[in-house]
Amino acid sequence: MGALPETTSAGLPAFPAAGLAELQRQSMRIGGREKAAILLVSLGPERAADVFRHLKDEEIEALSLEMAKTRQVPQDTS
């Protein structure tokens, strides 16, 4: 297992400038629900639960199903 990525003061992953451009290109090929699922998985259970508190039941169900389908996320994507 590799080292944890650097984070910003808000606790979000910090991206090097060169990696950010590639991340933006990759994100254009991923649908919105899948992007949200990747983000929630990356945040971990406690922070994802904080997000879920602001969503409707239908949105939680849809994102939970998408998260379950998300097997592995390449390190450079998350």
PDB file of N, CA and C in Angstrom:
ATOM      1  N   MET A   1       0.853  -1.170   0.000  1.00  0.00           N
ATOM      2  CA  MET A   1       0.000   0.000   0.000  1.00  0.00           C
ATOM      3  C   MET A   1       0.893   1.225   0.000  1.00  0.00           C
ATOM      4  N   GLY A   2       0.578   2.225  -0.853  1.00  0.00           N
ATOM      5  CA  GLY A   2       1.399   3.415  -0.974  1.00  0.00           C
ATOM      6  C   GLY A   2       1.070   4.437   0.091  1.00  0.00           C
ATOM      7  N   ALA A   3       1.827   5.500   0.061  1.00  0.00           N
ATOM      8  CA  ALA A   3       1.617   6.583   1.015  1.00  0.00           C
ATOM      9  C   ALA A   3       0.311   7.303   0.705  1.00  0.00           C
ATOM     10  N   LEU A   4      -0.275   7.897   1.721  1.00  0.00           N
ATOM     11  CA  LEU A   4      -1.499   8.653   1.530  1.00  0.00           C
ATOM     12  C   LEU A   4      -1.193   9.917   0.746  1.00  0.00           C
ATOM     13  N   PRO A   5      -2.122  10.343  -0.120  1.00  0.00           N
ATOM     14  CA  PRO A   5      -1.872  11.558  -0.896  1.00  0.00           C
ATOM     15  C   PRO A   5      -1.883  12.786  -0.001  1.00  0.00           C
ATOM     16  N   GLU A   6      -1.174  13.823  -0.439  1.00  0.00           N
ATOM     17  CA  GLU A   6      -1.201  15.086   0.298  1.00  0.00           C
ATOM     18  C   GLU A   6      -2.612  15.636   0.231  1.00  0.00           C
ATOM     19  N   THR A   7      -3.001  16.389   1.263  1.00  0.00           N
ATOM     20  CA  THR A   7      -4.340  16.959   1.282  1.00  0.00           C
ATOM     21  C   THR A   7      -4.273  18.461   1.490  1.00  0.00           C
ATOM     22  N   THR A   8      -5.364  19.119   1.134  1.00  0.00           N
ATOM     23  CA  THR A   8      -5.478  20.557   1.354  1.00  0.00           C
ATOM     24  C   THR A   8      -5.912  20.791   2.791  1.00  0.00           C
ATOM     25  N   SER A   9      -6.015  22.051   3.194  1.00  0.00           N
ATOM     26  CA  SER A   9      -6.453  22.363   4.555  1.00  0.00           C
ATOM     27  C   SER A   9      -7.878  21.894   4.807  1.00  0.00           C
ATOM     28  N   ALA A  10      -8.659  21.694   3.737  1.00  0.00           N
ATOM     29  CA  ALA A  10     -10.032  21.203   3.879  1.00  0.00           C
ATOM     30  C   ALA A  10     -10.075  19.686   3.952  1.00  0.00           C
ATOM     31  N   GLY A  11      -8.916  19.043   3.882  1.00  0.00           N
ATOM     32  CA  GLY A  11      -8.866  17.582   3.949  1.00  0.00           C
ATOM     33  C   GLY A  11      -9.102  16.898   2.621  1.00  0.00           C
ATOM     34  N   LEU A  12      -9.148  17.655   1.534  1.00  0.00           N
ATOM     35  CA  LEU A  12      -9.354  17.093   0.207  1.00  0.00           C
ATOM     36  C   LEU A  12      -8.007  16.795  -0.432  1.00  0.00           C
ATOM     37  N   PRO A  13      -7.957  15.815  -1.357  1.00  0.00           N
ATOM     38  CA  PRO A  13      -6.687  15.484  -1.999  1.00  0.00           C
ATOM     39  C   PRO A  13      -6.119  16.668  -2.763  1.00  0.00           C
ATOM     40  N   ALA A  14      -4.818  16.867  -2.648  1.00  0.00           N
ATOM     41  CA  ALA A  14      -4.120  17.917  -3.395  1.00  0.00           C
ATOM     42  C   ALA A  14      -3.520  17.274  -4.648  1.00  0.00           C
ATOM     43  N   PHE A  15      -3.702  17.914  -5.796  1.00  0.00           N
ATOM     44  CA  PHE A  15      -3.207  17.360  -7.053  1.00  0.00           C
ATOM     45  C   PHE A  15      -2.077  18.213  -7.597  1.00  0.00           C
ATOM     46  N   PRO A  16      -0.972  17.570  -8.029  1.00  0.00           N
ATOM     47  CA  PRO A  16       0.078  18.334  -8.700  1.00  0.00           C
ATOM     48  C   PRO A  16      -0.475  18.895 -10.009  1.00  0.00           C
ATOM     49  N   ALA A  17       0.040  20.029 -10.456  1.00  0.00           N
ATOM     50  CA  ALA A  17      -0.483  20.692 -11.653  1.00  0.00           C
ATOM     51  C   ALA A  17      -0.490  19.766 -12.864  1.00  0.00           C
ATOM     52  N   ALA A  18       0.576  18.998 -13.074  1.00  0.00           N
ATOM     53  CA  ALA A  18       0.644  18.101 -14.231  1.00  0.00           C
ATOM     54  C   ALA A  18      -0.403  17.005 -14.135  1.00  0.00           C
ATOM     55  N   GLY A  19      -0.632  16.496 -12.948  1.00  0.00           N
ATOM     56  CA  GLY A  19      -1.615  15.429 -12.760  1.00  0.00           C
ATOM     57  C   GLY A  19      -3.037  15.933 -12.886  1.00  0.00           C
ATOM     58  N   LEU A  20      -3.264  17.189 -12.584  1.00  0.00           N
ATOM     59  CA  LEU A  20      -4.602  17.753 -12.653  1.00  0.00           C
ATOM     60  C   LEU A  20      -5.125  17.771 -14.086  1.00  0.00           C
ATOM     61  N   ALA A  21      -4.282  18.095 -15.043  1.00  0.00           N
ATOM     62  CA  ALA A  21      -4.716  18.117 -16.446  1.00  0.00           C
ATOM     63  C   ALA A  21      -5.143  16.723 -16.894  1.00  0.00           C
ATOM     64  N   GLU A  22      -4.373  15.715 -16.539  1.00  0.00           N
ATOM     65  CA  GLU A  22      -4.729  14.337 -16.896  1.00  0.00           C
ATOM     66  C   GLU A  22      -6.012  13.920 -16.195  1.00  0.00           C
ATOM     67  N   LEU A  23      -6.163  14.292 -14.948  1.00  0.00           N
ATOM     68  CA  LEU A  23      -7.376  13.977 -14.198  1.00  0.00           C
ATOM     69  C   LEU A  23      -8.592  14.610 -14.867  1.00  0.00           C
ATOM     70  N   GLN A  24      -8.460  15.836 -15.336  1.00  0.00           N
ATOM     71  CA  GLN A  24      -9.569  16.502 -16.017  1.00  0.00           C
ATOM     72  C   GLN A  24      -9.920  15.792 -17.315  1.00  0.00           C
ATOM     73  N   ARG A  25      -8.920  15.325 -18.067  1.00  0.00           N
ATOM     74  CA  ARG A  25      -9.193  14.579 -19.303  1.00  0.00           C
ATOM     75  C   ARG A  25      -9.928  13.291 -18.985  1.00  0.00           C
ATOM     76  N   GLN A  26      -9.495  12.565 -17.959  1.00  0.00           N
ATOM     77  CA  GLN A  26     -10.141  11.313 -17.591  1.00  0.00           C
ATOM     78  C   GLN A  26     -11.562  11.558 -17.106  1.00  0.00           C
ATOM     79  N   SER A  27     -11.768  12.630 -16.363  1.00  0.00           N
ATOM     80  CA  SER A  27     -13.085  12.879 -15.798  1.00  0.00           C
ATOM     81  C   SER A  27     -14.113  13.179 -16.867  1.00  0.00           C
ATOM     82  N   MET A  28     -13.678  13.617 -18.039  1.00  0.00           N
ATOM     83  CA  MET A  28     -14.609  13.896 -19.120  1.00  0.00           C
ATOM     84  C   MET A  28     -15.208  12.606 -19.666  1.00  0.00           C
ATOM     85  N   ARG A  29     -14.584  11.458 -19.412  1.00  0.00           N
ATOM     86  CA  ARG A  29     -15.072  10.176 -19.908  1.00  0.00           C
ATOM     87  C   ARG A  29     -15.909   9.448 -18.868  1.00  0.00           C
ATOM     88  N   ILE A  30     -16.051  10.002 -17.687  1.00  0.00           N
ATOM     89  CA  ILE A  30     -16.777   9.349 -16.602  1.00  0.00           C
ATOM     90  C   ILE A  30     -18.066  10.121 -16.362  1.00  0.00           C
ATOM     91  N   GLY A  31     -19.180   9.398 -16.228  1.00  0.00           N
ATOM     92  CA  GLY A  31     -20.465  10.040 -15.995  1.00  0.00           C
ATOM     93  C   GLY A  31     -20.560  10.678 -14.611  1.00  0.00           C
ATOM     94  N   GLY A  32     -21.493  11.582 -14.450  1.00  0.00           N
ATOM     95  CA  GLY A  32     -21.651  12.324 -13.205  1.00  0.00           C
ATOM     96  C   GLY A  32     -21.909  11.441 -11.991  1.00  0.00           C
ATOM     97  N   ARG A  33     -22.795  10.457 -12.127  1.00  0.00           N
ATOM     98  CA  ARG A  33     -23.092   9.579 -10.993  1.00  0.00           C
ATOM     99  C   ARG A  33     -21.869   8.761 -10.609  1.00  0.00           C
ATOM    100  N   GLU A  34     -21.119   8.297 -11.627  1.00  0.00           N
ATOM    101  CA  GLU A  34     -19.908   7.522 -11.347  1.00  0.00           C
ATOM    102  C   GLU A  34     -18.847   8.406 -10.673  1.00  0.00           C
ATOM    103  N   LYS A  35     -18.728   9.663 -11.121  1.00  0.00           N
ATOM    104  CA  LYS A  35     -17.791  10.592 -10.482  1.00  0.00           C
ATOM    105  C   LYS A  35     -18.150  10.786  -9.015  1.00  0.00           C
ATOM    106  N   ALA A  36     -19.445  10.959  -8.752  1.00  0.00           N
ATOM    107  CA  ALA A  36     -19.894  11.144  -7.370  1.00  0.00           C
ATOM    108  C   ALA A  36     -19.590   9.905  -6.536  1.00  0.00           C
ATOM    109  N   ALA A  37     -19.805   8.725  -7.102  1.00  0.00           N
ATOM    110  CA  ALA A  37     -19.525   7.478  -6.383  1.00  0.00           C
ATOM    111  C   ALA A  37     -18.034   7.360  -6.068  1.00  0.00           C
ATOM    112  N   ILE A  38     -17.187   7.703  -7.026  1.00  0.00           N
ATOM    113  CA  ILE A  38     -15.737   7.647  -6.814  1.00  0.00           C
ATOM    114  C   ILE A  38     -15.337   8.614  -5.703  1.00  0.00           C
ATOM    115  N   LEU A  39     -15.905   9.807  -5.745  1.00  0.00           N
ATOM    116  CA  LEU A  39     -15.610  10.790  -4.709  1.00  0.00           C
ATOM    117  C   LEU A  39     -16.023  10.262  -3.336  1.00  0.00           C
ATOM    118  N   LEU A  40     -17.226   9.724  -3.231  1.00  0.00           N
ATOM    119  CA  LEU A  40     -17.723   9.236  -1.941  1.00  0.00           C
ATOM    120  C   LEU A  40     -16.877   8.080  -1.413  1.00  0.00           C
ATOM    121  N   VAL A  41     -16.485   7.171  -2.302  1.00  0.00           N
ATOM    122  CA  VAL A  41     -15.616   6.069  -1.880  1.00  0.00           C
ATOM    123  C   VAL A  41     -14.278   6.625  -1.400  1.00  0.00           C
ATOM    124  N   SER A  42     -13.760   7.617  -2.111  1.00  0.00           N
ATOM    125  CA  SER A  42     -12.472   8.214  -1.750  1.00  0.00           C
ATOM    126  C   SER A  42     -12.532   8.951  -0.413  1.00  0.00           C
ATOM    127  N   LEU A  43     -13.683   9.522  -0.106  1.00  0.00           N
ATOM    128  CA  LEU A  43     -13.828  10.263   1.147  1.00  0.00           C
ATOM    129  C   LEU A  43     -13.816   9.358   2.369  1.00  0.00           C
ATOM    130  N   GLY A  44     -14.233   8.123   2.199  1.00  0.00           N
ATOM    131  CA  GLY A  44     -14.325   7.212   3.334  1.00  0.00           C
ATOM    132  C   GLY A  44     -15.724   7.241   3.938  1.00  0.00           C
ATOM    133  N   PRO A  45     -16.025   6.266   4.792  1.00  0.00           N
ATOM    134  CA  PRO A  45     -17.395   6.110   5.289  1.00  0.00           C
ATOM    135  C   PRO A  45     -17.928   7.271   6.120  1.00  0.00           C
ATOM    136  N   GLU A  46     -17.096   7.864   6.967  1.00  0.00           N
ATOM    137  CA  GLU A  46     -17.596   8.933   7.833  1.00  0.00           C
ATOM    138  C   GLU A  46     -17.947  10.183   7.032  1.00  0.00           C
ATOM    139  N   ARG A  47     -17.040  10.587   6.134  1.00  0.00           N
ATOM    140  CA  ARG A  47     -17.303  11.791   5.336  1.00  0.00           C
ATOM    141  C   ARG A  47     -18.413  11.539   4.313  1.00  0.00           C
ATOM    142  N   ALA A  48     -18.466  10.320   3.757  1.00  0.00           N
ATOM    143  CA  ALA A  48     -19.547   9.992   2.826  1.00  0.00           C
ATOM    144  C   ALA A  48     -20.895  10.070   3.542  1.00  0.00           C
ATOM    145  N   ALA A  49     -20.944   9.618   4.781  1.00  0.00           N
ATOM    146  CA  ALA A  49     -22.182   9.693   5.566  1.00  0.00           C
ATOM    147  C   ALA A  49     -22.603  11.142   5.761  1.00  0.00           C
ATOM    148  N   ASP A  50     -21.641  12.034   5.962  1.00  0.00           N
ATOM    149  CA  ASP A  50     -21.954  13.464   6.089  1.00  0.00           C
ATOM    150  C   ASP A  50     -22.606  13.989   4.814  1.00  0.00           C
ATOM    151  N   VAL A  51     -22.118  13.540   3.658  1.00  0.00           N
ATOM    152  CA  VAL A  51     -22.698  13.955   2.376  1.00  0.00           C
ATOM    153  C   VAL A  51     -24.103  13.383   2.233  1.00  0.00           C
ATOM    154  N   PHE A  52     -24.264  12.103   2.557  1.00  0.00           N
ATOM    155  CA  PHE A  52     -25.562  11.442   2.417  1.00  0.00           C
ATOM    156  C   PHE A  52     -26.654  12.138   3.223  1.00  0.00           C
ATOM    157  N   ARG A  53     -26.301  12.748   4.316  1.00  0.00           N
ATOM    158  CA  ARG A  53     -27.296  13.438   5.151  1.00  0.00           C
ATOM    159  C   ARG A  53     -28.002  14.569   4.404  1.00  0.00           C
ATOM    160  N   HIS A  54     -27.388  15.042   3.325  1.00  0.00           N
ATOM    161  CA  HIS A  54     -27.947  16.157   2.556  1.00  0.00           C
ATOM    162  C   HIS A  54     -28.693  15.696   1.302  1.00  0.00           C
ATOM    163  N   LEU A  55     -28.788  14.394   1.090  1.00  0.00           N
ATOM    164  CA  LEU A  55     -29.389  13.863  -0.135  1.00  0.00           C
ATOM    165  C   LEU A  55     -30.755  13.247   0.131  1.00  0.00           C
ATOM    166  N   LYS A  56     -31.533  13.149  -0.930  1.00  0.00           N
ATOM    167  CA  LYS A  56     -32.833  12.479  -0.868  1.00  0.00           C
ATOM    168  C   LYS A  56     -32.606  10.968  -0.886  1.00  0.00           C
ATOM    169  N   ASP A  57     -33.606  10.216  -0.405  1.00  0.00           N
ATOM    170  CA  ASP A  57     -33.495   8.750  -0.362  1.00  0.00           C
ATOM    171  C   ASP A  57     -33.183   8.152  -1.733  1.00  0.00           C
ATOM    172  N   GLU A  58     -33.811   8.687  -2.786  1.00  0.00           N
ATOM    173  CA  GLU A  58     -33.586   8.166  -4.139  1.00  0.00           C
ATOM    174  C   GLU A  58     -32.142   8.395  -4.584  1.00  0.00           C
ATOM    175  N   GLU A  59     -31.591   9.546  -4.218  1.00  0.00           N
ATOM    176  CA  GLU A  59     -30.209   9.859  -4.576  1.00  0.00           C
ATOM    177  C   GLU A  59     -29.239   8.954  -3.818  1.00  0.00           C
ATOM    178  N   ILE A  60     -29.535   8.712  -2.561  1.00  0.00           N
ATOM    179  CA  ILE A  60     -28.682   7.829  -1.754  1.00  0.00           C
ATOM    180  C   ILE A  60     -28.689   6.428  -2.340  1.00  0.00           C
ATOM    181  N   GLU A  61     -29.871   5.947  -2.723  1.00  0.00           N
ATOM    182  CA  GLU A  61     -29.967   4.603  -3.297  1.00  0.00           C
ATOM    183  C   GLU A  61     -29.176   4.509  -4.602  1.00  0.00           C
ATOM    184  N   ALA A  62     -29.350   5.503  -5.485  1.00  0.00           N
ATOM    185  CA  ALA A  62     -28.655   5.481  -6.770  1.00  0.00           C
ATOM    186  C   ALA A  62     -27.135   5.534  -6.582  1.00  0.00           C
ATOM    187  N   LEU A  63     -26.672   6.398  -5.682  1.00  0.00           N
ATOM    188  CA  LEU A  63     -25.232   6.504  -5.447  1.00  0.00           C
ATOM    189  C   LEU A  63     -24.681   5.258  -4.758  1.00  0.00           C
ATOM    190  N   SER A  64     -25.453   4.687  -3.853  1.00  0.00           N
ATOM    191  CA  SER A  64     -25.008   3.462  -3.175  1.00  0.00           C
ATOM    192  C   SER A  64     -24.831   2.327  -4.168  1.00  0.00           C
ATOM    193  N   LEU A  65     -25.765   2.217  -5.113  1.00  0.00           N
ATOM    194  CA  LEU A  65     -25.640   1.181  -6.148  1.00  0.00           C
ATOM    195  C   LEU A  65     -24.411   1.434  -7.015  1.00  0.00           C
ATOM    196  N   GLU A  66     -24.180   2.688  -7.364  1.00  0.00           N
ATOM    197  CA  GLU A  66     -23.006   3.027  -8.179  1.00  0.00           C
ATOM    198  C   GLU A  66     -21.724   2.757  -7.404  1.00  0.00           C
ATOM    199  N   MET A  67     -21.713   3.060  -6.116  1.00  0.00           N
ATOM    200  CA  MET A  67     -20.535   2.794  -5.285  1.00  0.00           C
ATOM    201  C   MET A  67     -20.259   1.293  -5.218  1.00  0.00           C
ATOM    202  N   ALA A  68     -21.311   0.493  -5.143  1.00  0.00           N
ATOM    203  CA  ALA A  68     -21.136  -0.961  -5.094  1.00  0.00           C
ATOM    204  C   ALA A  68     -20.558  -1.488  -6.406  1.00  0.00           C
ATOM    205  N   LYS A  69     -20.875  -0.836  -7.520  1.00  0.00           N
ATOM    206  CA  LYS A  69     -20.343  -1.248  -8.825  1.00  0.00           C
ATOM    207  C   LYS A  69     -18.907  -0.798  -9.016  1.00  0.00           C
ATOM    208  N   THR A  70     -18.467   0.164  -8.228  1.00  0.00           N
ATOM    209  CA  THR A  70     -17.121   0.711  -8.365  1.00  0.00           C
ATOM    210  C   THR A  70     -16.153  -0.236  -7.669  1.00  0.00           C
ATOM    211  N   ARG A  71     -15.537  -1.105  -8.443  1.00  0.00           N
ATOM    212  CA  ARG A  71     -14.632  -2.127  -7.893  1.00  0.00           C
ATOM    213  C   ARG A  71     -13.305  -1.518  -7.483  1.00  0.00           C
ATOM    214  N   GLN A  72     -12.632  -0.926  -8.445  1.00  0.00           N
ATOM    215  CA  GLN A  72     -11.330  -0.315  -8.182  1.00  0.00           C
ATOM    216  C   GLN A  72     -11.258   1.008  -8.911  1.00  0.00           C
ATOM    217  N   VAL A  73     -10.637   1.961  -8.280  1.00  0.00           N
ATOM    218  CA  VAL A  73     -10.427   3.266  -8.881  1.00  0.00           C
ATOM    219  C   VAL A  73      -8.933   3.444  -9.036  1.00  0.00           C
ATOM    220  N   PRO A  74      -8.458   3.670 -10.271  1.00  0.00           N
ATOM    221  CA  PRO A  74      -7.022   3.889 -10.434  1.00  0.00           C
ATOM    222  C   PRO A  74      -6.564   5.039  -9.552  1.00  0.00           C
ATOM    223  N   GLN A  75      -5.388   4.914  -8.967  1.00  0.00           N
ATOM    224  CA  GLN A  75      -4.884   5.901  -8.032  1.00  0.00           C
ATOM    225  C   GLN A  75      -4.835   7.294  -8.642  1.00  0.00           C
ATOM    226  N   ASP A  76      -4.537   7.410  -9.931  1.00  0.00           N
ATOM    227  CA  ASP A  76      -4.460   8.719 -10.549  1.00  0.00           C
ATOM    228  C   ASP A  76      -5.830   9.312 -10.846  1.00  0.00           C
ATOM    229  N   THR A  77      -6.902   8.520 -10.701  1.00  0.00           N
ATOM    230  CA  THR A  77      -8.265   9.025 -10.887  1.00  0.00           C
ATOM    231  C   THR A  77      -8.790   9.614  -9.612  1.00  0.00           C
ATOM    232  N   SER A  78      -8.530   8.946  -8.483  1.00  0.00           N
ATOM    233  CA  SER A  78      -9.036   9.452  -7.219  1.00  0.00           C
ATOM    234  C   SER A  78      -8.032  10.392  -6.638  1.00  0.00           C
TER     235      SER A  78
END
